[in-house]
PDB file of N, CA and C in Angstrom:
ATOM      1  N   MET A   1       1.038  -7.109  -5.742  1.00  0.00           N
ATOM      2  CA  MET A   1       2.219  -7.550  -5.815  1.00  0.00           C
ATOM      3  C   MET A   1       3.084  -7.896  -6.585  1.00  0.00           C
ATOM      4  N   THR A   2       2.847  -6.747  -7.710  1.00  0.00           N
ATOM      5  CA  THR A   2       4.733  -6.360  -8.404  1.00  0.00           C
ATOM      6  C   THR A   2       5.272  -5.992  -8.277  1.00  0.00           C
ATOM      7  N   ASN A   3       4.372  -4.805  -7.069  1.00  0.00           N
ATOM      8  CA  ASN A   3       5.510  -3.755  -6.339  1.00  0.00           C
ATOM      9  C   ASN A   3       6.280  -4.202  -5.478  1.00  0.00           C
ATOM     10  N   GLU A   4       7.404  -3.825  -5.199  1.00  0.00           N
ATOM     11  CA  GLU A   4       9.132  -4.356  -4.986  1.00  0.00           C
ATOM     12  C   GLU A   4       8.890  -3.294  -3.603  1.00  0.00           C
ATOM     13  N   ASP A   5       8.727  -2.456  -3.805  1.00  0.00           N
ATOM     14  CA  ASP A   5       8.312  -1.910  -2.715  1.00  0.00           C
ATOM     15  C   ASP A   5       7.024  -1.961  -1.688  1.00  0.00           C
ATOM     16  N   MET A   6       5.762  -2.490  -2.056  1.00  0.00           N
ATOM     17  CA  MET A   6       5.157  -2.889  -1.315  1.00  0.00           C
ATOM     18  C   MET A   6       5.081  -4.575  -0.880  1.00  0.00           C
ATOM     19  N   LEU A   7       5.561  -4.700  -1.664  1.00  0.00           N
ATOM     20  CA  LEU A   7       5.979  -6.511  -1.195  1.00  0.00           C
ATOM     21  C   LEU A   7       6.229  -6.325   0.390  1.00  0.00           C
ATOM     22  N   ILE A   8       7.896  -5.101   0.689  1.00  0.00           N
ATOM     23  CA  ILE A   8       8.466  -4.533   1.568  1.00  0.00           C
ATOM     24  C   ILE A   8       7.748  -4.575   2.920  1.00  0.00           C
ATOM     25  N   GLN A   9       6.839  -3.688   2.435  1.00  0.00           N
ATOM     26  CA  GLN A   9       5.476  -3.004   3.127  1.00  0.00           C
ATOM     27  C   GLN A   9       4.741  -4.623   4.332  1.00  0.00           C
ATOM     28  N   ARG A  10       4.209  -4.984   3.096  1.00  0.00           N
ATOM     29  CA  ARG A  10       2.867  -6.056   3.174  1.00  0.00           C
ATOM     30  C   ARG A  10       3.204  -6.823   3.469  1.00  0.00           C
ATOM     31  N   TYR A  11       4.104  -7.846   2.746  1.00  0.00           N
ATOM     32  CA  TYR A  11       4.225  -9.070   2.934  1.00  0.00           C
ATOM     33  C   TYR A  11       5.685  -9.767   4.111  1.00  0.00           C
ATOM     34  N   ALA A  12       6.470  -8.971   3.779  1.00  0.00           N
ATOM     35  CA  ALA A  12       7.929  -9.413   4.490  1.00  0.00           C
ATOM     36  C   ALA A  12       8.556  -8.326   5.146  1.00  0.00           C
ATOM     37  N   PRO A  13       8.617  -7.488   6.104  1.00  0.00           N
ATOM     38  CA  PRO A  13       8.939  -6.246   6.414  1.00  0.00           C
ATOM     39  C   PRO A  13       9.878  -6.151   6.453  1.00  0.00           C
ATOM     40  N   GLY A  14      11.274  -5.145   5.518  1.00  0.00           N
ATOM     41  CA  GLY A  14      12.363  -5.258   6.523  1.00  0.00           C
ATOM     42  C   GLY A  14      13.376  -6.300   5.146  1.00  0.00           C
ATOM     43  N   SER A  15      11.844  -7.192   4.154  1.00  0.00           N
ATOM     44  CA  SER A  15      13.042  -8.102   3.603  1.00  0.00           C
ATOM     45  C   SER A  15      13.071  -7.591   1.747  1.00  0.00           C
ATOM     46  N   PRO A  16      14.419  -6.996   1.030  1.00  0.00           N
ATOM     47  CA  PRO A  16      13.686  -7.091  -0.199  1.00  0.00           C
ATOM     48  C   PRO A  16      13.669  -7.815  -1.226  1.00  0.00           C
ATOM     49  N   TRP A  17      13.511  -7.125  -1.635  1.00  0.00           N
ATOM     50  CA  TRP A  17      12.910  -8.471  -3.700  1.00  0.00           C
ATOM     51  C   TRP A  17      12.832  -7.916  -4.766  1.00  0.00           C
ATOM     52  N   ASN A  18      13.580  -8.450  -5.444  1.00  0.00           N
ATOM     53  CA  ASN A  18      14.296  -8.261  -6.730  1.00  0.00           C
ATOM     54  C   ASN A  18      12.442  -8.844  -7.933  1.00  0.00           C
ATOM     55  N   ILE A  19      12.146  -7.518  -8.228  1.00  0.00           N
ATOM     56  CA  ILE A  19      11.231  -8.769  -9.475  1.00  0.00           C
ATOM     57  C   ILE A  19      11.614  -8.035 -10.864  1.00  0.00           C
ATOM     58  N   PRO A  20      12.767  -8.571 -11.060  1.00  0.00           N
ATOM     59  CA  PRO A  20      13.478  -8.317 -12.929  1.00  0.00           C
ATOM     60  C   PRO A  20      12.646  -8.299 -14.300  1.00  0.00           C
ATOM     61  N   ASN A  21      11.706  -9.034 -13.862  1.00  0.00           N
ATOM     62  CA  ASN A  21      10.334  -8.629 -14.906  1.00  0.00           C
ATOM     63  C   ASN A  21       8.875 -10.137 -14.887  1.00  0.00           C
ATOM     64  N   LEU A  22       8.354  -9.151 -15.402  1.00  0.00           N
ATOM     65  CA  LEU A  22       7.065  -9.861 -14.487  1.00  0.00           C
ATOM     66  C   LEU A  22       6.183 -10.561 -15.902  1.00  0.00           C
ATOM     67  N   SER A  23       6.769 -11.967 -15.504  1.00  0.00           N
ATOM     68  CA  SER A  23       6.761 -12.851 -17.285  1.00  0.00           C
ATOM     69  C   SER A  23       6.737 -13.403 -16.986  1.00  0.00           C
ATOM     70  N   ALA A  24       5.499 -15.233 -17.146  1.00  0.00           N
ATOM     71  CA  ALA A  24       5.594 -16.163 -16.647  1.00  0.00           C
ATOM     72  C   ALA A  24       6.999 -17.124 -16.876  1.00  0.00           C
ATOM     73  N   GLY A  25       7.448 -17.824 -15.765  1.00  0.00           N
ATOM     74  CA  GLY A  25       8.924 -18.152 -16.598  1.00  0.00           C
ATOM     75  C   GLY A  25       9.973 -17.612 -15.251  1.00  0.00           C
ATOM     76  N   GLU A  26       9.654 -16.193 -15.552  1.00  0.00           N
ATOM     77  CA  GLU A  26      11.029 -15.412 -14.848  1.00  0.00           C
ATOM     78  C   GLU A  26      11.089 -15.485 -12.999  1.00  0.00           C
ATOM     79  N   LYS A  27      12.272 -15.697 -12.688  1.00  0.00           N
ATOM     80  CA  LYS A  27      12.411 -15.818 -11.495  1.00  0.00           C
ATOM     81  C   LYS A  27      12.078 -15.031 -10.383  1.00  0.00           C
ATOM     82  N   VAL A  28      11.756 -14.883  -9.467  1.00  0.00           N
ATOM     83  CA  VAL A  28      11.486 -13.214  -8.651  1.00  0.00           C
ATOM     84  C   VAL A  28      12.381 -13.689  -6.762  1.00  0.00           C
ATOM     85  N   ILE A  29      13.239 -12.869  -6.699  1.00  0.00           N
ATOM     86  CA  ILE A  29      15.038 -13.301  -5.874  1.00  0.00           C
ATOM     87  C   ILE A  29      14.108 -12.280  -5.009  1.00  0.00           C
ATOM     88  N   SER A  30      14.634 -12.696  -3.622  1.00  0.00           N
ATOM     89  CA  SER A  30      13.504 -12.363  -2.178  1.00  0.00           C
ATOM     90  C   SER A  30      14.852 -12.598  -1.015  1.00  0.00           C
ATOM     91  N   THR A  31      15.361 -12.057   0.423  1.00  0.00           N
ATOM     92  CA  THR A  31      15.674 -12.273   1.717  1.00  0.00           C
ATOM     93  C   THR A  31      15.398 -12.164   2.008  1.00  0.00           C
ATOM     94  N   LEU A  32      14.333 -13.220   3.171  1.00  0.00           N
ATOM     95  CA  LEU A  32      13.842 -12.781   4.377  1.00  0.00           C
ATOM     96  C   LEU A  32      14.906 -12.022   5.392  1.00  0.00           C
ATOM     97  N   MET A  33      14.585 -11.272   5.682  1.00  0.00           N
ATOM     98  CA  MET A  33      15.733 -10.824   7.443  1.00  0.00           C
ATOM     99  C   MET A  33      14.198 -11.155   8.456  1.00  0.00           C
ATOM    100  N   PRO A  34      15.049 -11.733   9.445  1.00  0.00           N
ATOM    101  CA  PRO A  34      14.622 -11.184  10.847  1.00  0.00           C
ATOM    102  C   PRO A  34      14.505 -10.330  10.992  1.00  0.00           C
ATOM    103  N   ASN A  35      13.037 -10.878  11.413  1.00  0.00           N
ATOM    104  CA  ASN A  35      11.937  -9.569  12.279  1.00  0.00           C
ATOM    105  C   ASN A  35      11.554  -9.439  13.800  1.00  0.00           C
ATOM    106  N   ALA A  36      10.371  -8.673  14.179  1.00  0.00           N
ATOM    107  CA  ALA A  36       9.223  -9.332  14.733  1.00  0.00           C
ATOM    108  C   ALA A  36       8.317  -9.898  14.449  1.00  0.00           C
ATOM    109  N   HIS A  37       8.114 -10.450  13.216  1.00  0.00           N
ATOM    110  CA  HIS A  37       6.758 -11.202  12.395  1.00  0.00           C
ATOM    111  C   HIS A  37       7.031 -12.886  12.309  1.00  0.00           C
ATOM    112  N   ASN A  38       9.131 -13.439  13.143  1.00  0.00           N
ATOM    113  CA  ASN A  38       8.860 -14.727  12.527  1.00  0.00           C
ATOM    114  C   ASN A  38       9.490 -14.511  12.898  1.00  0.00           C
ATOM    115  N   ASN A  39      10.576 -16.146  12.969  1.00  0.00           N
ATOM    116  CA  ASN A  39      11.840 -16.317  14.004  1.00  0.00           C
ATOM    117  C   ASN A  39      12.613 -17.034  13.834  1.00  0.00           C
ATOM    118  N   LEU A  40      12.962 -16.211  12.755  1.00  0.00           N
ATOM    119  CA  LEU A  40      14.618 -16.455  11.956  1.00  0.00           C
ATOM    120  C   LEU A  40      15.388 -15.403  12.712  1.00  0.00           C
ATOM    121  N   LYS A  41      16.503 -16.655  12.755  1.00  0.00           N
ATOM    122  CA  LYS A  41      17.753 -15.631  13.120  1.00  0.00           C
ATOM    123  C   LYS A  41      18.544 -15.496  11.919  1.00  0.00           C
ATOM    124  N   GLU A  42      18.710 -15.734  10.669  1.00  0.00           N
ATOM    125  CA  GLU A  42      19.672 -15.149  10.388  1.00  0.00           C
ATOM    126  C   GLU A  42      18.628 -15.018   8.974  1.00  0.00           C
ATOM    127  N   GLU A  43      18.745 -14.212   8.105  1.00  0.00           N
ATOM    128  CA  GLU A  43      18.865 -14.513   6.888  1.00  0.00           C
ATOM    129  C   GLU A  43      18.058 -15.124   6.057  1.00  0.00           C
ATOM    130  N   TYR A  44      17.130 -15.622   5.237  1.00  0.00           N
ATOM    131  CA  TYR A  44      16.893 -17.160   4.521  1.00  0.00           C
ATOM    132  C   TYR A  44      16.797 -16.113   3.210  1.00  0.00           C
ATOM    133  N   PRO A  45      17.478 -16.844   2.263  1.00  0.00           N
ATOM    134  CA  PRO A  45      17.415 -16.647   0.683  1.00  0.00           C
ATOM    135  C   PRO A  45      16.492 -17.440   0.011  1.00  0.00           C
ATOM    136  N   MET A  46      15.826 -16.539  -1.451  1.00  0.00           N
ATOM    137  CA  MET A  46      14.146 -16.954  -1.331  1.00  0.00           C
ATOM    138  C   MET A  46      14.241 -16.719  -3.067  1.00  0.00           C
ATOM    139  N   THR A  47      14.484 -18.256  -3.943  1.00  0.00           N
ATOM    140  CA  THR A  47      14.442 -18.349  -5.484  1.00  0.00           C
ATOM    141  C   THR A  47      12.936 -18.420  -6.190  1.00  0.00           C
ATOM    142  N   LEU A  48      11.903 -17.415  -6.002  1.00  0.00           N
ATOM    143  CA  LEU A  48      10.524 -17.630  -7.092  1.00  0.00           C
ATOM    144  C   LEU A  48      10.845 -17.856  -8.308  1.00  0.00           C
ATOM    145  N   THR A  49       9.698 -18.734  -8.798  1.00  0.00           N
ATOM    146  CA  THR A  49       9.156 -18.545 -10.246  1.00  0.00           C
ATOM    147  C   THR A  49       8.110 -18.731 -10.605  1.00  0.00           C
ATOM    148  N   ILE A  50       7.852 -17.100 -10.993  1.00  0.00           N
ATOM    149  CA  ILE A  50       6.380 -16.633 -11.971  1.00  0.00           C
ATOM    150  C   ILE A  50       5.542 -17.544 -12.616  1.00  0.00           C
ATOM    151  N   GLU A  51       4.931 -18.866 -12.159  1.00  0.00           N
ATOM    152  CA  GLU A  51       4.102 -19.628 -12.782  1.00  0.00           C
ATOM    153  C   GLU A  51       3.366 -18.868 -13.459  1.00  0.00           C
ATOM    154  N   LYS A  52       2.505 -18.102 -13.593  1.00  0.00           N
ATOM    155  CA  LYS A  52       1.130 -17.365 -14.129  1.00  0.00           C
ATOM    156  C   LYS A  52       1.159 -15.993 -14.105  1.00  0.00           C
ATOM    157  N   ILE A  53       0.913 -15.649 -15.050  1.00  0.00           N
ATOM    158  CA  ILE A  53       0.110 -13.976 -14.625  1.00  0.00           C
ATOM    159  C   ILE A  53      -1.471 -14.007 -15.845  1.00  0.00           C
ATOM    160  N   ILE A  54      -2.179 -13.867 -15.322  1.00  0.00           N
ATOM    161  CA  ILE A  54      -3.858 -13.191 -15.406  1.00  0.00           C
ATOM    162  C   ILE A  54      -4.031 -11.594 -14.724  1.00  0.00           C
ATOM    163  N   HIS A  55      -3.493 -11.169 -15.507  1.00  0.00           N
ATOM    164  CA  HIS A  55      -3.815  -9.054 -15.466  1.00  0.00           C
ATOM    165  C   HIS A  55      -5.070  -9.142 -14.676  1.00  0.00           C
ATOM    166  N   TYR A  56      -4.800  -8.161 -13.510  1.00  0.00           N
ATOM    167  CA  TYR A  56      -5.627  -7.952 -12.713  1.00  0.00           C
ATOM    168  C   TYR A  56      -6.823  -8.848 -11.617  1.00  0.00           C
ATOM    169  N   GLN A  57      -6.167 -10.077 -11.799  1.00  0.00           N
ATOM    170  CA  GLN A  57      -6.468 -11.322 -11.237  1.00  0.00           C
ATOM    171  C   GLN A  57      -5.374 -12.138 -10.322  1.00  0.00           C
ATOM    172  N   LYS A  58      -4.494 -12.171 -11.173  1.00  0.00           N
ATOM    173  CA  LYS A  58      -3.444 -13.310 -10.448  1.00  0.00           C
ATOM    174  C   LYS A  58      -1.590 -12.371 -10.937  1.00  0.00           C
TER     175      LYS A  58
END
């Protein structure tokens, strides 16, 4: 879940991810792109906040 390239391949194909700092409270920025796996008609920007890090678990 921390590798931007793997997120693009496995979670949201073709959607860019930016994880600047892997720490609790940090922001993760992504834009879901329309593709065969969703019903989007246009790009959908998202900002997520990392709540907790438990190494090798969460």
